[in-house]
Every structure is written in C-alpha cells, then in structure tokens.
Amino acid sequence: DRTLIWQLPDATVLNASLFYNKGAWSAKFDVNNLTDEQYFVRGANNGMMVGVRQPINFEFTLGRTF
C-alpha cells in the first residue's frame, strides 16, 4: 500500500477455462484458483483493507442463441 504498512506474500494463481460451441449452443467451464492457493489482495481505501481470495471454485455456463 501507499504507506508500506502491509507486506503481502507472493502467490501464483492458476485459472483455467474450457469452451465448447456447437450450432446455437455454447458451454463454458471455469476453474478458479486451480491449485487452491491462499492469496491476498488489497481492497478499497488506498489499499488499507486487505482481503483473502476464494479457495478453488468452479463455474459452468450454458448458453443458446436465437
């Protein structure tokens, strides 16, 4: 942060996505934080708030165009 109060540890986060399209249909599968890394990010108030990000999570999206 601006005042150098916080020193957060480094982390490498891996996110992955798979896509599939066939005709009017589409599908997407997302994996966020694939290695289940615990990592922190600065938030509002010029970085004076620190938040822990989500553990591994999955999202699936199915769509159809008309």
PDB file of N, CA and C in Angstrom:
ATOM      1  N   ASP A   1       0.837  -1.186   0.000  1.00  0.00           N
ATOM      2  CA  ASP A   1       0.000   0.000   0.000  1.00  0.00           C
ATOM      3  C   ASP A   1       0.876   1.241   0.000  1.00  0.00           C
ATOM      4  N   ARG A   2       0.261   2.358  -0.029  1.00  0.00           N
ATOM      5  CA  ARG A   2       0.963   3.628  -0.149  1.00  0.00           C
ATOM      6  C   ARG A   2       1.850   3.914   1.055  1.00  0.00           C
ATOM      7  N   THR A   3       1.428   3.500   2.237  1.00  0.00           N
ATOM      8  CA  THR A   3       2.202   3.788   3.448  1.00  0.00           C
ATOM      9  C   THR A   3       3.145   2.652   3.834  1.00  0.00           C
ATOM     10  N   LEU A   4       3.180   1.590   3.033  1.00  0.00           N
ATOM     11  CA  LEU A   4       4.070   0.442   3.245  1.00  0.00           C
ATOM     12  C   LEU A   4       3.869  -0.241   4.597  1.00  0.00           C
ATOM     13  N   ILE A   5       2.628  -0.254   5.077  1.00  0.00           N
ATOM     14  CA  ILE A   5       2.315  -0.936   6.327  1.00  0.00           C
ATOM     15  C   ILE A   5       2.186  -2.440   6.091  1.00  0.00           C
ATOM     16  N   TRP A   6       1.558  -2.824   4.967  1.00  0.00           N
ATOM     17  CA  TRP A   6       1.291  -4.228   4.679  1.00  0.00           C
ATOM     18  C   TRP A   6       2.351  -4.786   3.742  1.00  0.00           C
ATOM     19  N   GLN A   7       2.807  -5.978   4.039  1.00  0.00           N
ATOM     20  CA  GLN A   7       3.680  -6.702   3.133  1.00  0.00           C
ATOM     21  C   GLN A   7       3.047  -8.074   2.928  1.00  0.00           C
ATOM     22  N   LEU A   8       2.413  -8.260   1.778  1.00  0.00           N
ATOM     23  CA  LEU A   8       1.680  -9.484   1.495  1.00  0.00           C
ATOM     24  C   LEU A   8       2.591 -10.495   0.817  1.00  0.00           C
ATOM     25  N   PRO A   9       2.412 -11.786   1.116  1.00  0.00           N
ATOM     26  CA  PRO A   9       3.245 -12.806   0.486  1.00  0.00           C
ATOM     27  C   PRO A   9       2.908 -12.959  -0.998  1.00  0.00           C
ATOM     28  N   ASP A  10       3.902 -13.351  -1.786  1.00  0.00           N
ATOM     29  CA  ASP A  10       3.689 -13.614  -3.203  1.00  0.00           C
ATOM     30  C   ASP A  10       2.891 -14.893  -3.374  1.00  0.00           C
ATOM     31  N   ALA A  11       2.133 -14.961  -4.457  1.00  0.00           N
ATOM     32  CA  ALA A  11       1.370 -16.171  -4.768  1.00  0.00           C
ATOM     33  C   ALA A  11       1.205 -16.263  -6.273  1.00  0.00           C
ATOM     34  N   THR A  12       1.205 -17.468  -6.783  1.00  0.00           N
ATOM     35  CA  THR A  12       0.925 -17.719  -8.186  1.00  0.00           C
ATOM     36  C   THR A  12      -0.408 -18.453  -8.260  1.00  0.00           C
ATOM     37  N   VAL A  13      -1.360 -17.842  -8.932  1.00  0.00           N
ATOM     38  CA  VAL A  13      -2.710 -18.383  -9.003  1.00  0.00           C
ATOM     39  C   VAL A  13      -2.974 -18.845 -10.434  1.00  0.00           C
ATOM     40  N   LEU A  14      -3.516 -20.051 -10.567  1.00  0.00           N
ATOM     41  CA  LEU A  14      -3.802 -20.625 -11.874  1.00  0.00           C
ATOM     42  C   LEU A  14      -5.310 -20.734 -12.066  1.00  0.00           C
ATOM     43  N   ASN A  15      -5.814 -20.101 -13.125  1.00  0.00           N
ATOM     44  CA  ASN A  15      -7.212 -20.194 -13.519  1.00  0.00           C
ATOM     45  C   ASN A  15      -7.266 -20.865 -14.890  1.00  0.00           C
ATOM     46  N   ALA A  16      -8.290 -21.665 -15.150  1.00  0.00           N
ATOM     47  CA  ALA A  16      -8.410 -22.359 -16.430  1.00  0.00           C
ATOM     48  C   ALA A  16      -9.853 -22.336 -16.909  1.00  0.00           C
ATOM     49  N   SER A  17     -10.022 -22.362 -18.235  1.00  0.00           N
ATOM     50  CA  SER A  17     -11.358 -22.373 -18.837  1.00  0.00           C
ATOM     51  C   SER A  17     -11.389 -23.323 -20.016  1.00  0.00           C
ATOM     52  N   LEU A  18     -12.529 -23.975 -20.205  1.00  0.00           N
ATOM     53  CA  LEU A  18     -12.787 -24.806 -21.377  1.00  0.00           C
ATOM     54  C   LEU A  18     -14.044 -24.271 -22.057  1.00  0.00           C
ATOM     55  N   PHE A  19     -14.003 -24.200 -23.386  1.00  0.00           N
ATOM     56  CA  PHE A  19     -15.133 -23.694 -24.158  1.00  0.00           C
ATOM     57  C   PHE A  19     -15.591 -24.748 -25.157  1.00  0.00           C
ATOM     58  N   TYR A  20     -16.888 -24.771 -25.450  1.00  0.00           N
ATOM     59  CA  TYR A  20     -17.433 -25.664 -26.474  1.00  0.00           C
ATOM     60  C   TYR A  20     -18.586 -24.949 -27.163  1.00  0.00           C
ATOM     61  N   ASN A  21     -18.568 -24.939 -28.475  1.00  0.00           N
ATOM     62  CA  ASN A  21     -19.645 -24.340 -29.264  1.00  0.00           C
ATOM     63  C   ASN A  21     -20.111 -25.342 -30.307  1.00  0.00           C
ATOM     64  N   LYS A  22     -21.417 -25.490 -30.428  1.00  0.00           N
ATOM     65  CA  LYS A  22     -21.998 -26.353 -31.464  1.00  0.00           C
ATOM     66  C   LYS A  22     -23.330 -25.750 -31.871  1.00  0.00           C
ATOM     67  N   GLY A  23     -23.376 -25.214 -33.078  1.00  0.00           N
ATOM     68  CA  GLY A  23     -24.600 -24.585 -33.567  1.00  0.00           C
ATOM     69  C   GLY A  23     -24.993 -23.408 -32.687  1.00  0.00           C
ATOM     70  N   ALA A  24     -26.219 -23.428 -32.201  1.00  0.00           N
ATOM     71  CA  ALA A  24     -26.717 -22.331 -31.362  1.00  0.00           C
ATOM     72  C   ALA A  24     -26.326 -22.485 -29.895  1.00  0.00           C
ATOM     73  N   TRP A  25     -25.710 -23.605 -29.535  1.00  0.00           N
ATOM     74  CA  TRP A  25     -25.385 -23.884 -28.140  1.00  0.00           C
ATOM     75  C   TRP A  25     -23.914 -23.588 -27.841  1.00  0.00           C
ATOM     76  N   SER A  26     -23.677 -23.136 -26.635  1.00  0.00           N
ATOM     77  CA  SER A  26     -22.305 -22.924 -26.171  1.00  0.00           C
ATOM     78  C   SER A  26     -22.215 -23.330 -24.701  1.00  0.00           C
ATOM     79  N   ALA A  27     -21.046 -23.792 -24.320  1.00  0.00           N
ATOM     80  CA  ALA A  27     -20.815 -24.184 -22.930  1.00  0.00           C
ATOM     81  C   ALA A  27     -19.432 -23.696 -22.515  1.00  0.00           C
ATOM     82  N   LYS A  28     -19.309 -23.342 -21.250  1.00  0.00           N
ATOM     83  CA  LYS A  28     -18.034 -22.865 -20.708  1.00  0.00           C
ATOM     84  C   LYS A  28     -17.882 -23.407 -19.293  1.00  0.00           C
ATOM     85  N   PHE A  29     -16.713 -23.927 -19.012  1.00  0.00           N
ATOM     86  CA  PHE A  29     -16.401 -24.450 -17.685  1.00  0.00           C
ATOM     87  C   PHE A  29     -15.153 -23.735 -17.184  1.00  0.00           C
ATOM     88  N   ASP A  30     -15.256 -23.070 -16.029  1.00  0.00           N
ATOM     89  CA  ASP A  30     -14.151 -22.318 -15.445  1.00  0.00           C
ATOM     90  C   ASP A  30     -13.725 -22.943 -14.123  1.00  0.00           C
ATOM     91  N   VAL A  31     -12.432 -22.991 -13.913  1.00  0.00           N
ATOM     92  CA  VAL A  31     -11.872 -23.383 -12.619  1.00  0.00           C
ATOM     93  C   VAL A  31     -11.012 -22.208 -12.164  1.00  0.00           C
ATOM     94  N   ASN A  32     -11.352 -21.643 -11.029  1.00  0.00           N
ATOM     95  CA  ASN A  32     -10.606 -20.514 -10.478  1.00  0.00           C
ATOM     96  C   ASN A  32      -9.777 -20.990  -9.289  1.00  0.00           C
ATOM     97  N   ASN A  33      -8.535 -20.533  -9.236  1.00  0.00           N
ATOM     98  CA  ASN A  33      -7.599 -20.913  -8.180  1.00  0.00           C
ATOM     99  C   ASN A  33      -7.407 -22.430  -8.159  1.00  0.00           C
ATOM    100  N   LEU A  34      -7.017 -22.959  -9.305  1.00  0.00           N
ATOM    101  CA  LEU A  34      -6.893 -24.403  -9.510  1.00  0.00           C
ATOM    102  C   LEU A  34      -5.994 -25.089  -8.483  1.00  0.00           C
ATOM    103  N   THR A  35      -4.956 -24.424  -8.036  1.00  0.00           N
ATOM    104  CA  THR A  35      -4.027 -25.028  -7.069  1.00  0.00           C
ATOM    105  C   THR A  35      -4.429 -24.757  -5.624  1.00  0.00           C
ATOM    106  N   ASP A  36      -5.599 -24.145  -5.427  1.00  0.00           N
ATOM    107  CA  ASP A  36      -6.129 -23.841  -4.092  1.00  0.00           C
ATOM    108  C   ASP A  36      -5.136 -23.032  -3.249  1.00  0.00           C
ATOM    109  N   GLU A  37      -4.523 -22.047  -3.881  1.00  0.00           N
ATOM    110  CA  GLU A  37      -3.544 -21.170  -3.237  1.00  0.00           C
ATOM    111  C   GLU A  37      -4.251 -20.155  -2.338  1.00  0.00           C
ATOM    112  N   GLN A  38      -3.728 -19.925  -1.160  1.00  0.00           N
ATOM    113  CA  GLN A  38      -4.266 -18.850  -0.320  1.00  0.00           C
ATOM    114  C   GLN A  38      -3.512 -17.576  -0.686  1.00  0.00           C
ATOM    115  N   TYR A  39      -4.258 -16.573  -1.144  1.00  0.00           N
ATOM    116  CA  TYR A  39      -3.601 -15.324  -1.525  1.00  0.00           C
ATOM    117  C   TYR A  39      -4.459 -14.136  -1.122  1.00  0.00           C
ATOM    118  N   PHE A  40      -3.821 -13.006  -1.059  1.00  0.00           N
ATOM    119  CA  PHE A  40      -4.444 -11.794  -0.547  1.00  0.00           C
ATOM    120  C   PHE A  40      -4.380 -10.699  -1.601  1.00  0.00           C
ATOM    121  N   VAL A  41      -5.353  -9.816  -1.567  1.00  0.00           N
ATOM    122  CA  VAL A  41      -5.365  -8.661  -2.457  1.00  0.00           C
ATOM    123  C   VAL A  41      -5.716  -7.419  -1.660  1.00  0.00           C
ATOM    124  N   ARG A  42      -5.233  -6.304  -2.131  1.00  0.00           N
ATOM    125  CA  ARG A  42      -5.592  -5.058  -1.450  1.00  0.00           C
ATOM    126  C   ARG A  42      -6.973  -4.639  -1.906  1.00  0.00           C
ATOM    127  N   GLY A  43      -7.671  -3.996  -1.027  1.00  0.00           N
ATOM    128  CA  GLY A  43      -9.033  -3.583  -1.325  1.00  0.00           C
ATOM    129  C   GLY A  43      -9.152  -2.082  -1.459  1.00  0.00           C
ATOM    130  N   ALA A  44     -10.268  -1.576  -1.018  1.00  0.00           N
ATOM    131  CA  ALA A  44     -10.571  -0.148  -1.113  1.00  0.00           C
ATOM    132  C   ALA A  44      -9.733   0.656  -0.119  1.00  0.00           C
ATOM    133  N   ASN A  45      -9.966   1.937  -0.090  1.00  0.00           N
ATOM    134  CA  ASN A  45      -9.329   2.842   0.867  1.00  0.00           C
ATOM    135  C   ASN A  45      -7.810   2.887   0.671  1.00  0.00           C
ATOM    136  N   ASN A  46      -7.375   3.050  -0.582  1.00  0.00           N
ATOM    137  CA  ASN A  46      -5.947   3.143  -0.927  1.00  0.00           C
ATOM    138  C   ASN A  46      -5.144   1.940  -0.454  1.00  0.00           C
ATOM    139  N   GLY A  47      -5.746   0.771  -0.462  1.00  0.00           N
ATOM    140  CA  GLY A  47      -5.028  -0.433  -0.104  1.00  0.00           C
ATOM    141  C   GLY A  47      -4.955  -0.704   1.383  1.00  0.00           C
ATOM    142  N   MET A  48      -5.645   0.076   2.198  1.00  0.00           N
ATOM    143  CA  MET A  48      -5.584  -0.127   3.647  1.00  0.00           C
ATOM    144  C   MET A  48      -6.437  -1.311   4.094  1.00  0.00           C
ATOM    145  N   MET A  49      -7.290  -1.821   3.210  1.00  0.00           N
ATOM    146  CA  MET A  49      -8.071  -3.017   3.520  1.00  0.00           C
ATOM    147  C   MET A  49      -7.491  -4.175   2.713  1.00  0.00           C
ATOM    148  N   VAL A  50      -7.348  -5.321   3.335  1.00  0.00           N
ATOM    149  CA  VAL A  50      -6.782  -6.492   2.672  1.00  0.00           C
ATOM    150  C   VAL A  50      -7.816  -7.603   2.723  1.00  0.00           C
ATOM    151  N   GLY A  51      -7.972  -8.302   1.601  1.00  0.00           N
ATOM    152  CA  GLY A  51      -8.943  -9.386   1.550  1.00  0.00           C
ATOM    153  C   GLY A  51      -8.302 -10.692   1.134  1.00  0.00           C
ATOM    154  N   VAL A  52      -8.848 -11.782   1.625  1.00  0.00           N
ATOM    155  CA  VAL A  52      -8.407 -13.116   1.231  1.00  0.00           C
ATOM    156  C   VAL A  52      -9.289 -13.559   0.079  1.00  0.00           C
ATOM    157  N   ARG A  53      -8.700 -14.064  -0.977  1.00  0.00           N
ATOM    158  CA  ARG A  53      -9.465 -14.515  -2.134  1.00  0.00           C
ATOM    159  C   ARG A  53     -10.020 -15.906  -1.926  1.00  0.00           C
ATOM    160  N   GLN A  54     -10.955 -16.275  -2.790  1.00  0.00           N
ATOM    161  CA  GLN A  54     -11.674 -17.538  -2.662  1.00  0.00           C
ATOM    162  C   GLN A  54     -10.761 -18.740  -2.873  1.00  0.00           C
ATOM    163  N   PRO A  55     -11.070 -19.838  -2.187  1.00  0.00           N
ATOM    164  CA  PRO A  55     -10.375 -21.091  -2.487  1.00  0.00           C
ATOM    165  C   PRO A  55     -10.825 -21.607  -3.854  1.00  0.00           C
ATOM    166  N   ILE A  56     -10.373 -22.766  -4.243  1.00  0.00           N
ATOM    167  CA  ILE A  56     -10.737 -23.318  -5.548  1.00  0.00           C
ATOM    168  C   ILE A  56     -12.261 -23.307  -5.713  1.00  0.00           C
ATOM    169  N   ASN A  57     -12.708 -22.880  -6.897  1.00  0.00           N
ATOM    170  CA  ASN A  57     -14.143 -22.869  -7.173  1.00  0.00           C
ATOM    171  C   ASN A  57     -14.373 -23.098  -8.661  1.00  0.00           C
ATOM    172  N   PHE A  58     -15.583 -23.540  -8.979  1.00  0.00           N
ATOM    173  CA  PHE A  58     -15.931 -23.940 -10.337  1.00  0.00           C
ATOM    174  C   PHE A  58     -17.162 -23.174 -10.804  1.00  0.00           C
ATOM    175  N   GLU A  59     -17.215 -22.890 -12.107  1.00  0.00           N
ATOM    176  CA  GLU A  59     -18.383 -22.248 -12.710  1.00  0.00           C
ATOM    177  C   GLU A  59     -18.691 -22.949 -14.029  1.00  0.00           C
ATOM    178  N   PHE A  60     -19.959 -23.177 -14.274  1.00  0.00           N
ATOM    179  CA  PHE A  60     -20.385 -23.765 -15.537  1.00  0.00           C
ATOM    180  C   PHE A  60     -21.459 -22.868 -16.134  1.00  0.00           C
ATOM    181  N   THR A  61     -21.296 -22.513 -17.406  1.00  0.00           N
ATOM    182  CA  THR A  61     -22.246 -21.660 -18.099  1.00  0.00           C
ATOM    183  C   THR A  61     -22.724 -22.355 -19.361  1.00  0.00           C
ATOM    184  N   LEU A  62     -24.019 -22.395 -19.537  1.00  0.00           N
ATOM    185  CA  LEU A  62     -24.619 -22.976 -20.736  1.00  0.00           C
ATOM    186  C   LEU A  62     -25.457 -21.903 -21.403  1.00  0.00           C
ATOM    187  N   GLY A  63     -25.261 -21.728 -22.723  1.00  0.00           N
ATOM    188  CA  GLY A  63     -25.994 -20.689 -23.418  1.00  0.00           C
ATOM    189  C   GLY A  63     -26.548 -21.159 -24.750  1.00  0.00           C
ATOM    190  N   ARG A  64     -27.584 -20.476 -25.206  1.00  0.00           N
ATOM    191  CA  ARG A  64     -28.179 -20.766 -26.508  1.00  0.00           C
ATOM    192  C   ARG A  64     -28.558 -19.447 -27.169  1.00  0.00           C
ATOM    193  N   THR A  65     -28.196 -19.286 -28.421  1.00  0.00           N
ATOM    194  CA  THR A  65     -28.550 -18.088 -29.163  1.00  0.00           C
ATOM    195  C   THR A  65     -29.774 -18.362 -30.023  1.00  0.00           C
ATOM    196  N   PHE A  66     -30.576 -17.329 -30.235  1.00  0.00           N
ATOM    197  CA  PHE A  66     -31.798 -17.460 -31.031  1.00  0.00           C
ATOM    198  C   PHE A  66     -31.715 -16.604 -32.265  1.00  0.00           C
TER     199      PHE A  66
END
